[in-house]
Amino acid sequence: MDSSHSHRSKTLVSNCPLCQVVVTGAQNPEFICELQNVVVTRGPFAQRWPGAVQVTCKRHLRDPGQLKYPHFIHSQAELYALENAIRTTTRAHHMNVVKFGNVVEHLHWHLIPRFEGETHPQKNPWELADLPAEALFHTSPKQPLDLLYAEITDSVKSLLKQAQPPYFATAFFIRPRAKQDQPDFLNKTLVEQHRAICAAPTEFECFLMQRNYLDFAWDTFGGEIDAGETPRVALHRELKEELGWSVDQELEVTRQWVNGMIRGFVYLVEPKDGRLLQDVPDRIPCDEVKQAAWIPLQDLLANTGNTYALPLCGRARALVAGLTDFSL
């Protein structure tokens, strides 16, 4: 979503052990929870410092500086919530928070609680690697690990519900499924197009992208709003970066709310050069986009088999219902 290569989202790679942590997810016996940007596992220190976790970025990056600023802020909010959840749940005296990405070139963190009863409180966990676990504490923590990590999971999710995630702006590109109706439809104003879509949604299809990162879900084109941008400015920038398209006209059709907070601005959009009449519209290569395709609008409304993510289906349903706001 950022035009510079260094800020592009990186795909997962097959020979990276931490990419496999992301892919395996809940099937991993060390799995604790999955958040928007990271996967949390017990990691190598859990048996020695109860509550310790490894936090693995869901994108194959070496450094947080490769994240676009809003994604960086969001991932740091998740780390903050995890650190606070661990500190509170374990009653830790201090927290070690360490970032890595050099030995295994995949961004990850270790969050390790440190306790009042330790025998070597001034040394870091790696310095104590050869010390038997029973020699680390004067009085060892007694809480069962499964219960402890369940409490940490509940706590971090509660904290994140109270946080405001970055705003986004996103676009619906829609045309009639019948080719003979497409030119006339695209000659209408967006207000007239919206009315036609609401009146007969089964007759329309939308141009969507499949993400090449995180959950690889189908989604509308668009992205996070940078500091200082309005939603429309962000929308135009994102469409230029992801598609190479300039906008002819846009109409805000709904706003997406999550947990009582505004999350995103959803637009009906037409590009300047009539690309929506092409079955395979020309677009620039973008490593954030795995593929793009025309998908019947009705498929999003029905979502048989839960093929599509809830936010995407929510946007589609709000679009055809004429709702100016909807909530997940």
Protein backbone atom coordinates (compact mmCIF):
# COMPACT_ATOMS: atom_id res chain seq x y z
CA MET A 1 0.00 0.00 0.00
CA ASP A 2 3.08 2.21 0.23
CA SER A 3 4.64 2.91 -3.12
CA SER A 4 8.23 2.31 -1.95
CA HIS A 5 9.47 -1.27 -2.17
CA SER A 6 10.97 -1.21 1.33
CA HIS A 7 7.52 -0.73 2.86
CA ARG A 8 5.77 -3.37 0.81
CA SER A 9 4.09 -6.26 2.62
CA LYS A 10 6.19 -9.39 2.28
CA THR A 11 4.73 -12.79 1.49
CA LEU A 12 5.41 -15.81 3.63
CA VAL A 13 8.18 -18.11 2.43
CA SER A 14 8.30 -21.89 2.63
CA ASN A 15 11.83 -22.30 4.03
CA CYS A 16 11.41 -19.87 6.95
CA PRO A 17 10.67 -21.59 10.29
CA LEU A 18 8.82 -18.55 11.63
CA CYS A 19 6.66 -18.34 8.51
CA GLN A 20 5.67 -21.89 9.39
CA VAL A 21 4.67 -20.69 12.87
CA VAL A 22 2.32 -18.22 11.16
CA VAL A 23 0.94 -20.84 8.73
CA THR A 24 0.50 -23.51 11.41
CA GLY A 25 -1.41 -21.17 13.73
CA ALA A 26 -3.60 -22.98 16.25
CA GLN A 27 -2.30 -26.36 15.08
CA ASN A 28 1.01 -25.54 16.78
CA PRO A 29 1.09 -27.12 20.28
CA GLU A 30 2.80 -23.94 21.56
CA PHE A 31 0.06 -21.65 20.13
CA ILE A 32 -1.48 -19.11 22.51
CA CYS A 33 -3.46 -16.70 20.33
CA GLU A 34 -3.51 -14.90 16.99
CA LEU A 35 -3.94 -11.14 16.76
CA GLN A 36 -4.32 -8.94 13.69
CA ASN A 37 -0.60 -8.57 13.03
CA VAL A 38 1.13 -11.29 15.07
CA VAL A 39 0.93 -14.91 16.20
CA VAL A 40 1.68 -15.52 19.88
CA THR A 41 3.27 -18.79 21.03
CA ARG A 42 4.84 -19.91 24.30
CA GLY A 43 8.31 -19.84 22.81
CA PRO A 44 11.55 -21.13 24.28
CA PHE A 45 11.37 -19.48 27.73
CA ALA A 46 7.88 -20.49 28.88
CA GLN A 47 9.03 -23.42 31.04
CA ARG A 48 11.67 -21.28 32.79
CA TRP A 49 9.78 -17.97 33.12
CA PRO A 50 6.02 -18.72 33.22
CA GLY A 51 4.16 -16.22 31.06
CA ALA A 52 7.00 -15.78 28.56
CA VAL A 53 5.90 -15.62 24.92
CA GLN A 54 7.33 -15.44 21.43
CA VAL A 55 5.52 -12.96 19.20
CA THR A 56 5.91 -13.62 15.46
CA CYS A 57 5.07 -11.03 12.81
CA LYS A 58 2.54 -12.34 10.28
CA ARG A 59 4.59 -10.82 7.45
CA HIS A 60 8.04 -11.99 6.38
CA LEU A 61 10.04 -8.90 7.39
CA ARG A 62 13.41 -8.38 9.08
CA ASP A 63 12.64 -5.12 10.84
CA PRO A 64 9.64 -3.02 11.99
CA GLY A 65 10.92 -0.20 9.75
CA GLN A 66 9.70 -2.22 6.77
CA LEU A 67 6.13 -1.85 8.01
CA LYS A 68 4.07 1.05 6.79
CA TYR A 69 3.52 3.51 9.64
CA PRO A 70 -0.13 2.63 10.48
CA HIS A 71 0.70 -1.09 10.51
CA PHE A 72 3.70 -0.36 12.73
CA ILE A 73 1.49 1.54 15.18
CA HIS A 74 -1.06 -1.26 15.21
CA SER A 75 1.55 -3.99 15.78
CA GLN A 76 3.13 -1.94 18.57
CA ALA A 77 -0.30 -1.59 20.19
CA GLU A 78 -0.57 -5.39 20.19
CA LEU A 79 2.87 -5.71 21.79
CA TYR A 80 1.90 -3.11 24.38
CA ALA A 81 -1.30 -4.98 25.21
CA LEU A 82 0.59 -8.29 25.45
CA GLU A 83 3.24 -6.82 27.74
CA ASN A 84 0.59 -5.35 30.02
CA ALA A 85 -1.45 -8.56 30.03
CA ILE A 86 1.61 -10.64 30.95
CA ARG A 87 2.79 -8.17 33.59
CA THR A 88 -0.63 -8.04 35.25
CA THR A 89 -1.40 -11.76 35.05
CA THR A 90 1.99 -12.97 36.27
CA ARG A 91 2.54 -10.08 38.73
CA ALA A 92 5.96 -9.63 37.14
CA HIS A 93 8.44 -7.28 38.77
CA HIS A 94 9.96 -6.39 35.38
CA MET A 95 9.54 -7.29 31.70
CA ASN A 96 12.24 -8.17 29.17
CA VAL A 97 11.07 -7.22 25.66
CA VAL A 98 13.54 -8.19 22.93
CA LYS A 99 13.23 -7.83 19.14
CA PHE A 100 14.97 -10.14 16.69
CA GLY A 101 15.15 -10.70 12.95
CA ASN A 102 18.79 -11.33 12.20
CA VAL A 103 19.55 -15.04 12.87
CA VAL A 104 16.18 -16.13 11.51
CA GLU A 105 15.40 -13.25 9.15
CA HIS A 106 11.80 -12.94 10.23
CA LEU A 107 10.69 -10.22 12.64
CA HIS A 108 9.79 -11.57 16.07
CA TRP A 109 9.88 -10.58 19.72
CA HIS A 110 10.38 -12.33 23.07
CA LEU A 111 8.38 -11.01 26.04
CA ILE A 112 9.72 -12.48 29.26
CA PRO A 113 8.39 -11.65 32.75
CA ARG A 114 10.98 -11.33 35.50
CA PHE A 115 10.08 -11.95 39.14
CA GLU A 116 11.00 -10.76 42.63
CA GLY A 117 12.07 -14.27 43.70
CA GLU A 118 14.76 -14.82 41.05
CA THR A 119 18.28 -15.83 42.03
CA HIS A 120 19.95 -13.79 39.25
CA PRO A 121 17.65 -10.80 38.57
CA GLN A 122 20.42 -8.74 36.93
CA LYS A 123 21.18 -11.27 34.20
CA ASN A 124 19.23 -11.69 30.97
CA PRO A 125 17.59 -15.02 30.06
CA TRP A 126 20.26 -15.93 27.51
CA GLU A 127 23.00 -15.56 30.12
CA LEU A 128 21.10 -18.02 32.31
CA ALA A 129 20.57 -20.62 29.58
CA ASP A 130 22.87 -23.20 31.26
CA LEU A 131 21.40 -22.74 34.73
CA PRO A 132 18.88 -25.48 35.68
CA ALA A 133 15.30 -24.19 35.79
CA GLU A 134 14.96 -25.08 39.47
CA ALA A 135 17.94 -22.83 40.26
CA LEU A 136 16.42 -19.71 38.70
CA PHE A 137 14.11 -18.91 41.64
CA HIS A 138 14.27 -18.85 45.39
CA THR A 139 10.54 -19.56 45.26
CA SER A 140 9.18 -20.86 41.95
CA PRO A 141 5.84 -19.61 40.48
CA LYS A 142 3.17 -22.29 40.99
CA GLN A 143 0.32 -21.37 38.61
CA PRO A 144 -0.36 -24.06 35.92
CA LEU A 145 0.85 -22.87 32.51
CA ASP A 146 -2.36 -23.65 30.61
CA LEU A 147 -4.43 -21.57 33.05
CA LEU A 148 -1.84 -18.78 33.05
CA TYR A 149 -1.76 -18.44 29.26
CA ALA A 150 -5.55 -18.60 29.01
CA GLU A 151 -5.72 -15.64 31.41
CA ILE A 152 -3.10 -13.76 29.38
CA THR A 153 -5.11 -14.35 26.18
CA ASP A 154 -8.34 -13.08 27.75
CA SER A 155 -6.55 -10.02 29.12
CA VAL A 156 -4.82 -8.99 25.88
CA LYS A 157 -7.99 -9.35 23.84
CA SER A 158 -9.88 -7.23 26.36
CA LEU A 159 -7.20 -4.52 26.20
CA LEU A 160 -7.19 -4.49 22.39
CA LYS A 161 -10.96 -4.08 22.26
CA GLN A 162 -10.49 -0.74 23.97
CA ALA A 163 -7.81 0.41 21.50
CA GLN A 164 -8.51 2.48 18.40
CA PRO A 165 -7.03 0.76 15.34
CA PRO A 166 -5.91 2.75 12.28
CA TYR A 167 -8.60 4.07 9.95
CA PHE A 168 -8.81 2.82 6.38
CA ALA A 169 -10.42 3.87 3.11
CA THR A 170 -11.55 1.26 0.61
CA ALA A 171 -13.30 1.00 -2.76
CA PHE A 172 -16.05 -1.01 -4.39
CA PHE A 173 -15.64 -1.26 -8.18
CA ILE A 174 -18.98 -2.56 -9.49
CA ARG A 175 -20.48 -3.26 -12.93
CA PRO A 176 -23.47 -5.21 -14.33
CA ARG A 177 -22.78 -8.89 -14.98
CA ALA A 178 -24.49 -8.60 -18.39
CA LYS A 179 -21.99 -7.10 -20.86
CA GLN A 180 -24.66 -5.30 -22.88
CA ASP A 181 -25.68 -3.32 -19.78
CA GLN A 182 -22.20 -2.21 -18.75
CA PRO A 183 -21.62 0.88 -20.95
CA ASP A 184 -24.96 2.44 -20.07
CA PHE A 185 -24.48 1.72 -16.36
CA LEU A 186 -21.05 3.37 -16.27
CA ASN A 187 -22.46 6.47 -17.96
CA LYS A 188 -24.73 7.03 -14.95
CA THR A 189 -23.74 9.11 -11.94
CA LEU A 190 -22.54 7.16 -8.92
CA VAL A 191 -25.74 8.05 -7.07
CA GLU A 192 -27.75 6.49 -9.91
CA GLN A 193 -25.44 3.48 -9.98
CA HIS A 194 -25.89 2.98 -6.26
CA ARG A 195 -29.67 3.04 -6.60
CA ALA A 196 -29.50 0.41 -9.35
CA ILE A 197 -27.26 -1.82 -7.24
CA CYS A 198 -29.62 -1.57 -4.26
CA ALA A 199 -32.60 -2.40 -6.47
CA ALA A 200 -31.14 -5.55 -8.07
CA PRO A 201 -27.87 -6.67 -6.38
CA THR A 202 -27.90 -10.11 -8.06
CA GLU A 203 -27.31 -8.43 -11.42
CA PHE A 204 -23.94 -6.96 -10.42
CA GLU A 205 -20.35 -8.05 -9.78
CA CYS A 206 -17.41 -6.39 -8.07
CA PHE A 207 -13.68 -6.29 -8.74
CA LEU A 208 -11.83 -7.58 -5.67
CA MET A 209 -8.29 -8.46 -4.67
CA GLN A 210 -6.92 -11.37 -2.68
CA ARG A 211 -4.35 -10.19 -0.15
CA ASN A 212 -0.84 -11.58 -0.45
CA TYR A 213 -0.20 -11.32 3.29
CA LEU A 214 -1.80 -11.94 6.69
CA ASP A 215 -4.82 -14.21 6.10
CA PHE A 216 -4.77 -14.05 2.24
CA ALA A 217 -8.45 -13.11 2.33
CA TRP A 218 -10.44 -11.53 -0.50
CA ASP A 219 -11.02 -7.84 0.08
CA THR A 220 -11.81 -4.51 -1.54
CA PHE A 221 -8.90 -2.42 -2.77
CA GLY A 222 -7.69 0.28 -0.38
CA GLY A 223 -5.72 0.64 2.83
CA GLU A 224 -4.79 2.52 5.96
CA ILE A 225 -5.08 6.30 6.18
CA ASP A 226 -1.71 7.96 6.82
CA ALA A 227 -1.26 10.77 9.32
CA GLY A 228 -2.46 14.07 7.86
CA GLU A 229 -4.60 12.44 5.13
CA THR A 230 -8.34 12.67 4.67
CA PRO A 231 -10.12 9.41 3.77
CA ARG A 232 -10.55 10.50 0.14
CA VAL A 233 -6.89 11.46 -0.24
CA ALA A 234 -5.89 8.08 1.23
CA LEU A 235 -8.29 6.30 -1.10
CA HIS A 236 -6.82 7.95 -4.21
CA ARG A 237 -3.27 7.19 -3.05
CA GLU A 238 -3.99 3.56 -2.23
CA LEU A 239 -5.71 2.89 -5.57
CA LYS A 240 -2.77 4.44 -7.39
CA GLU A 241 -0.34 2.26 -5.42
CA GLU A 242 -2.27 -1.01 -5.63
CA LEU A 243 -3.72 -0.72 -9.12
CA GLY A 244 -2.08 2.21 -10.88
CA TRP A 245 -5.55 3.69 -11.36
CA SER A 246 -6.64 7.31 -11.11
CA VAL A 247 -10.11 8.04 -9.76
CA ASP A 248 -12.75 9.70 -11.91
CA GLN A 249 -15.40 9.94 -9.19
CA GLU A 250 -16.10 8.44 -5.78
CA LEU A 251 -19.16 8.28 -3.53
CA GLU A 252 -19.01 7.37 0.15
CA VAL A 253 -21.58 4.62 0.64
CA THR A 254 -21.01 3.41 4.21
CA ARG A 255 -18.74 3.60 7.24
CA GLN A 256 -17.53 0.52 9.06
CA TRP A 257 -17.61 0.46 12.89
CA VAL A 258 -15.94 -2.07 15.20
CA ASN A 259 -16.60 -2.27 18.95
CA GLY A 260 -18.34 1.11 18.88
CA MET A 261 -15.47 2.89 17.10
CA ILE A 262 -15.20 4.10 13.52
CA ARG A 263 -12.85 1.89 11.53
CA GLY A 264 -13.21 2.56 7.83
CA PHE A 265 -14.73 4.61 5.01
CA VAL A 266 -16.19 2.66 2.07
CA TYR A 267 -16.64 4.22 -1.37
CA LEU A 268 -18.23 3.34 -4.68
CA VAL A 269 -15.55 4.31 -7.20
CA GLU A 270 -15.05 4.67 -10.95
CA PRO A 271 -11.56 4.89 -12.49
CA LYS A 272 -10.89 7.54 -15.12
CA ASP A 273 -10.38 5.34 -18.17
CA GLY A 274 -13.24 2.86 -18.19
CA ARG A 275 -11.25 -0.14 -16.92
CA LEU A 276 -14.41 -1.63 -15.43
CA LEU A 277 -15.51 -2.63 -18.93
CA GLN A 278 -12.54 -5.01 -19.18
CA ASP A 279 -12.90 -8.59 -17.99
CA VAL A 280 -9.25 -8.51 -16.88
CA PRO A 281 -8.59 -4.81 -16.18
CA ASP A 282 -5.04 -3.60 -16.67
CA ARG A 283 -3.28 -2.94 -13.36
CA ILE A 284 0.26 -2.51 -12.13
CA PRO A 285 2.01 -5.43 -10.38
CA CYS A 286 1.72 -5.09 -6.61
CA ASP A 287 3.18 -7.60 -4.17
CA GLU A 288 0.34 -6.91 -1.74
CA VAL A 289 -2.12 -8.38 -4.26
CA LYS A 290 -2.04 -12.13 -4.90
CA GLN A 291 -4.75 -11.99 -7.56
CA ALA A 292 -7.76 -9.92 -8.61
CA ALA A 293 -11.07 -11.09 -10.03
CA TRP A 294 -14.68 -10.18 -10.75
CA ILE A 295 -16.91 -11.78 -8.09
CA PRO A 296 -20.73 -11.72 -8.12
CA LEU A 297 -22.04 -9.34 -5.49
CA GLN A 298 -24.56 -12.00 -4.49
CA ASP A 299 -21.69 -14.31 -3.44
CA LEU A 300 -20.66 -11.75 -0.81
CA LEU A 301 -24.23 -11.29 0.38
CA ALA A 302 -24.87 -15.03 0.78
CA ASN A 303 -21.31 -15.99 1.82
CA THR A 304 -22.05 -19.68 1.51
CA GLY A 305 -19.45 -21.72 3.37
CA ASN A 306 -17.99 -18.58 4.97
CA THR A 307 -15.77 -18.12 1.92
CA TYR A 308 -15.32 -14.38 2.50
CA ALA A 309 -14.27 -12.42 5.59
CA LEU A 310 -16.97 -10.82 7.73
CA PRO A 311 -15.83 -7.20 7.13
CA LEU A 312 -16.03 -7.61 3.34
CA CYS A 313 -19.49 -9.19 3.52
CA GLY A 314 -20.59 -6.51 5.97
CA ARG A 315 -19.56 -3.79 3.51
CA ALA A 316 -21.43 -5.50 0.68
CA ARG A 317 -24.60 -5.86 2.75
CA ALA A 318 -24.43 -2.24 3.91
CA LEU A 319 -23.88 -1.14 0.30
CA VAL A 320 -27.01 -2.84 -1.04
CA ALA A 321 -29.09 -1.91 2.01
CA GLY A 322 -28.18 1.75 1.61
CA LEU A 323 -26.81 1.95 5.18
CA THR A 324 -24.61 4.96 5.85
CA ASP A 325 -23.03 3.08 8.79
CA PHE A 326 -22.75 -0.54 9.82
CA SER A 327 -21.16 -2.33 12.75
CA LEU A 328 -19.25 -5.60 13.10
